[in-house]
Protein backbone atom coordinates (compact mmCIF):
# COMPACT_ATOMS: atom_id res chain seq x y z
CA MET A 1 4.21 -24.97 0.73
CA LYS A 2 4.97 -21.46 2.25
CA LYS A 3 6.05 -19.85 -1.05
CA LEU A 4 2.39 -20.25 -1.99
CA PHE A 5 0.72 -19.12 1.35
CA ILE A 6 3.64 -15.59 1.32
CA PHE A 7 1.75 -15.23 -2.96
CA PHE A 8 -1.16 -15.95 -1.98
CA LEU A 9 -1.41 -13.38 1.03
CA THR A 10 0.30 -11.10 -1.12
CA ALA A 11 -1.90 -11.25 -4.13
CA PHE A 12 -4.54 -10.66 -1.02
CA LEU A 13 -3.61 -7.68 0.55
CA LEU A 14 -3.16 -6.35 -2.79
CA LEU A 15 -6.22 -7.02 -4.39
CA HIS A 16 -7.89 -6.41 -0.76
CA THR A 17 -6.56 -2.84 -0.99
CA ASN A 18 -7.55 -2.30 -4.70
CA ALA A 19 -10.95 -3.27 -4.61
CA MET A 20 -12.47 -0.22 -6.87
CA ALA A 21 -8.87 -0.28 -8.67
CA GLN A 22 -7.63 -1.54 -12.09
CA ILE A 23 -5.87 -4.72 -12.51
CA SER A 24 -2.38 -5.13 -13.96
CA ALA A 25 -1.52 -8.40 -15.09
CA GLY A 26 2.32 -9.06 -16.63
CA ILE A 27 5.52 -11.20 -17.74
CA TYR A 28 9.21 -10.61 -17.74
CA GLN A 29 11.68 -11.76 -19.05
CA LEU A 30 15.14 -10.49 -16.44
CA SER A 31 17.73 -12.23 -15.63
CA ASP A 32 17.22 -15.12 -13.55
CA GLY A 33 14.07 -15.90 -14.69
CA THR A 34 10.33 -15.50 -16.03
CA PHE A 35 8.71 -14.17 -13.56
CA ALA A 36 4.42 -13.82 -13.85
CA ALA A 37 2.85 -11.56 -11.86
CA ILE A 38 -0.69 -9.22 -11.37
CA GLY A 39 -0.99 -6.29 -9.13
CA SER A 40 -3.05 -3.08 -8.69
CA ASP A 41 -3.19 -0.21 -11.06
CA PRO A 42 0.87 1.14 -11.62
CA ASP A 43 -0.66 4.43 -12.78
CA ASN A 44 -1.34 5.42 -9.04
CA LYS A 45 1.61 7.09 -7.16
CA MET A 46 2.21 4.07 -4.97
CA PHE A 47 1.37 0.03 -5.99
CA GLY A 48 1.95 -2.86 -5.74
CA GLU A 49 2.00 -6.94 -7.29
CA ALA A 50 2.71 -10.61 -6.29
CA ARG A 51 5.42 -11.53 -8.59
CA ILE A 52 5.94 -15.64 -9.63
CA SER A 53 8.48 -17.64 -11.24
CA ALA A 54 8.51 -19.88 -13.48
CA GLY A 55 11.03 -22.26 -15.00
CA GLY A 56 12.89 -24.55 -13.41
CA ASP A 57 13.35 -23.14 -9.22
CA VAL A 58 9.67 -21.45 -8.24
CA ASP A 59 10.71 -17.57 -6.42
CA VAL A 60 7.44 -15.70 -5.20
CA GLU A 61 7.82 -12.01 -4.62
CA GLY A 62 6.43 -8.91 -4.06
CA THR A 63 7.12 -5.72 -5.22
CA PHE A 64 6.00 -2.54 -4.29
CA GLY A 65 6.52 0.49 -6.28
CA TYR A 66 6.20 4.75 -6.18
CA ASN A 67 6.05 6.90 -9.07
CA PHE A 68 8.24 9.75 -9.23
CA VAL A 69 7.66 10.25 -13.03
CA GLN A 70 3.49 9.87 -14.16
CA LYS A 71 3.38 10.67 -17.61
CA ASP A 72 0.17 9.43 -19.86
CA GLU A 73 3.16 8.02 -21.53
CA VAL A 74 5.42 7.04 -19.22
CA ASN A 75 5.84 5.95 -15.60
CA PHE A 76 9.37 6.14 -13.49
CA TYR A 77 9.35 4.26 -10.35
CA SER A 78 11.63 2.64 -7.76
CA GLY A 79 10.34 1.14 -4.77
CA PHE A 80 11.41 -3.24 -3.10
CA HIS A 81 10.66 -6.62 -4.04
CA LEU A 82 11.03 -8.92 -1.23
CA GLY A 83 10.46 -12.80 -2.37
CA ILE A 84 11.86 -16.37 -1.82
CA ASP A 85 14.64 -17.28 -4.27
CA ASP A 86 14.75 -21.48 -4.29
CA GLN A 87 17.71 -21.83 -5.59
CA GLY A 88 19.59 -25.38 -4.29
CA ASN A 89 18.16 -26.94 -1.58
CA ASP A 90 17.91 -23.29 0.30
CA ASN A 91 14.52 -20.94 1.00
CA ASP A 92 16.45 -18.12 1.30
CA ILE A 93 14.47 -14.82 1.20
CA TYR A 94 16.28 -11.77 -0.47
CA LEU A 95 15.37 -8.62 -0.84
CA GLY A 96 15.13 -6.30 -3.75
CA ILE A 97 15.83 -1.94 -5.11
CA PRO A 98 13.51 -1.67 -8.49
CA LEU A 99 14.25 0.99 -11.05
CA GLY A 100 12.21 0.73 -13.21
CA VAL A 101 10.74 2.47 -16.25
CA LEU A 102 6.33 1.58 -18.10
CA VAL A 103 6.68 3.55 -21.21
CA LYS A 104 3.29 3.07 -22.64
CA PRO A 105 3.47 4.37 -26.32
CA PHE A 106 0.43 3.41 -27.81
CA PRO A 107 -1.82 7.15 -27.95
CA THR A 108 -5.51 5.06 -28.03
CA THR A 109 -4.54 2.50 -25.49
CA ARG A 110 -2.91 3.03 -22.87
CA ASN A 111 -3.77 -0.46 -20.94
CA PHE A 112 -0.56 -2.12 -22.48
CA GLY A 113 2.20 -1.19 -22.13
CA PHE A 114 6.47 -2.41 -21.45
CA LEU A 115 9.03 -2.61 -18.05
CA LEU A 116 11.51 -2.24 -18.03
CA GLU A 117 13.74 -2.65 -15.09
CA ALA A 118 17.02 -3.57 -12.99
CA SER A 119 17.26 -3.71 -9.22
CA PRO A 120 20.66 -4.94 -7.40
CA ILE A 121 19.75 -8.75 -5.19
CA PHE A 122 20.42 -8.75 -1.12
CA PRO A 123 19.69 -12.24 -0.71
CA THR A 124 20.42 -14.14 3.08
CA GLY A 125 22.49 -16.99 3.59
CA GLU A 126 25.40 -18.22 1.48
CA ARG A 127 24.96 -16.95 -1.44
CA ASN A 128 25.61 -12.72 -2.56
CA ASN A 129 24.86 -10.47 -4.50
CA TYR A 130 23.84 -9.29 -7.75
CA PHE A 131 22.49 -7.58 -9.66
CA ARG A 132 19.55 -8.66 -12.08
CA ALA A 133 17.63 -6.81 -15.56
CA GLY A 134 15.09 -7.46 -17.27
CA LEU A 135 12.09 -5.80 -20.05
CA GLY A 136 8.60 -6.43 -20.16
CA LEU A 137 4.68 -6.37 -21.32
CA LYS A 138 2.24 -5.32 -18.95
CA TYR A 139 -1.78 -4.56 -18.91
CA THR A 140 -3.61 -2.99 -17.02
CA PHE A 141 -7.34 -3.68 -17.24
CA ARG A 142 -10.17 -1.02 -17.09
């Protein structure tokens, strides 16, 4: 219940602060699971999204990013993740520092892109730090 509350609160804050902005949706296959995401326009200088994992363990995280490079065909960003990890019986809070690239290769539609992301994860509790990486698909509704 606590995870769903944090997920919906994060999604509400993202959508509320960007009420007149575009919305993006994505699905990412990262090394620790598959995540579904909804967020603000990834072409903004600062953006955010709420992610929820699919599979055996349900993880919820908010990701906030800053685009260091913004071009029509590629964005390069970093920022931070803040989430809850449902690994075993403990609900650990974790912080991550993503480093990612969003590539939009099709000149006819810049709404669709491929995401490549890597992030060290620093959980609280008994789990050790670990490295997460993966790729995904993102679509921005304009």
